Amino acid sequence: MPNIKALREAAGYTQESLAQALGTSLSTVRNWERANVGLWGFYWAIKLCRALNCDVEDILRKENGDKID
């Protein structure tokens, strides 16, 4: 997913500010940009949503319907 860096920069974020905005670590953002860690989860989440005809938010809801923060 080499376009994460370009998208981040276009949105006006530094790696540090994006990590803070997302509530994650700087190393996580760096790994996403290097495609080292966690990106396959995004890939499979997108494929799952397409198969189930739903949005990512739908699969990330708790059983009681509340969104996961």
Protein backbone atom coordinates (compact mmCIF):
# COMPACT_ATOMS: atom_id res chain seq x y z
CA MET A 1 0.00 0.00 0.00
CA PRO A 2 2.57 2.57 -1.08
CA ASN A 3 0.03 5.38 -1.34
CA ILE A 4 -0.50 5.81 2.42
CA LYS A 5 2.37 8.30 2.66
CA ALA A 6 1.08 10.36 -0.26
CA LEU A 7 -2.45 10.37 1.15
CA ARG A 8 -1.17 11.35 4.59
CA GLU A 9 0.87 14.21 3.18
CA ALA A 10 -2.02 15.42 1.00
CA ALA A 11 -4.22 15.50 4.11
CA GLY A 12 -1.62 17.67 5.84
CA TYR A 13 -0.48 15.16 8.45
CA THR A 14 2.99 14.32 9.60
CA GLN A 15 3.52 10.74 10.70
CA GLU A 16 3.47 11.95 14.29
CA SER A 17 0.28 13.99 13.95
CA LEU A 18 -1.52 11.16 12.17
CA ALA A 19 -0.51 8.70 14.88
CA GLN A 20 -1.81 11.08 17.51
CA ALA A 21 -5.07 11.70 15.63
CA LEU A 22 -5.65 7.96 15.35
CA GLY A 23 -4.58 7.14 18.88
CA THR A 24 -1.82 4.84 17.71
CA SER A 25 1.96 4.86 17.83
CA LEU A 26 4.37 6.53 15.47
CA SER A 27 5.92 3.14 14.75
CA THR A 28 2.53 1.81 13.63
CA VAL A 29 2.14 4.61 11.09
CA ARG A 30 5.70 4.07 9.90
CA ASN A 31 5.05 0.36 9.47
CA TRP A 32 1.86 1.04 7.50
CA GLU A 33 3.79 3.30 5.15
CA ARG A 34 6.49 0.68 4.70
CA ALA A 35 3.83 -2.02 4.26
CA ASN A 36 5.53 -4.00 7.01
CA VAL A 37 2.72 -4.61 9.46
CA GLY A 38 -1.03 -4.69 9.60
CA LEU A 39 -1.91 -3.80 6.03
CA TRP A 40 -3.20 -7.25 5.19
CA GLY A 41 -5.86 -6.66 7.83
CA PHE A 42 -7.09 -3.68 5.79
CA TYR A 43 -7.03 -5.74 2.62
CA TRP A 44 -9.11 -8.51 4.15
CA ALA A 45 -11.50 -6.07 5.84
CA ILE A 46 -12.22 -4.48 2.45
CA LYS A 47 -12.73 -7.86 0.82
CA LEU A 48 -15.01 -8.95 3.68
CA CYS A 49 -17.08 -5.78 3.37
CA ARG A 50 -17.45 -6.26 -0.37
CA ALA A 51 -18.54 -9.87 0.12
CA LEU A 52 -21.03 -8.94 2.85
CA ASN A 53 -22.16 -5.77 1.10
CA CYS A 54 -21.48 -3.63 4.16
CA ASP A 55 -19.26 -0.81 5.37
CA VAL A 56 -16.20 -1.19 7.59
CA GLU A 57 -18.14 0.54 10.35
CA ASP A 58 -20.72 -2.25 10.19
CA ILE A 59 -18.20 -4.99 10.93
CA LEU A 60 -16.55 -2.94 13.66
CA ARG A 61 -19.69 -2.55 15.73
CA LYS A 62 -20.04 -4.27 19.05
CA GLU A 63 -22.78 -6.87 19.34
CA ASN A 64 -25.00 -4.33 21.10
CA GLY A 65 -24.71 -1.98 18.09
CA ASP A 66 -22.33 0.53 19.67
CA LYS A 67 -19.41 1.66 17.56
CA ILE A 68 -15.94 0.70 18.63
CA ASP A 69 -13.93 3.86 19.33
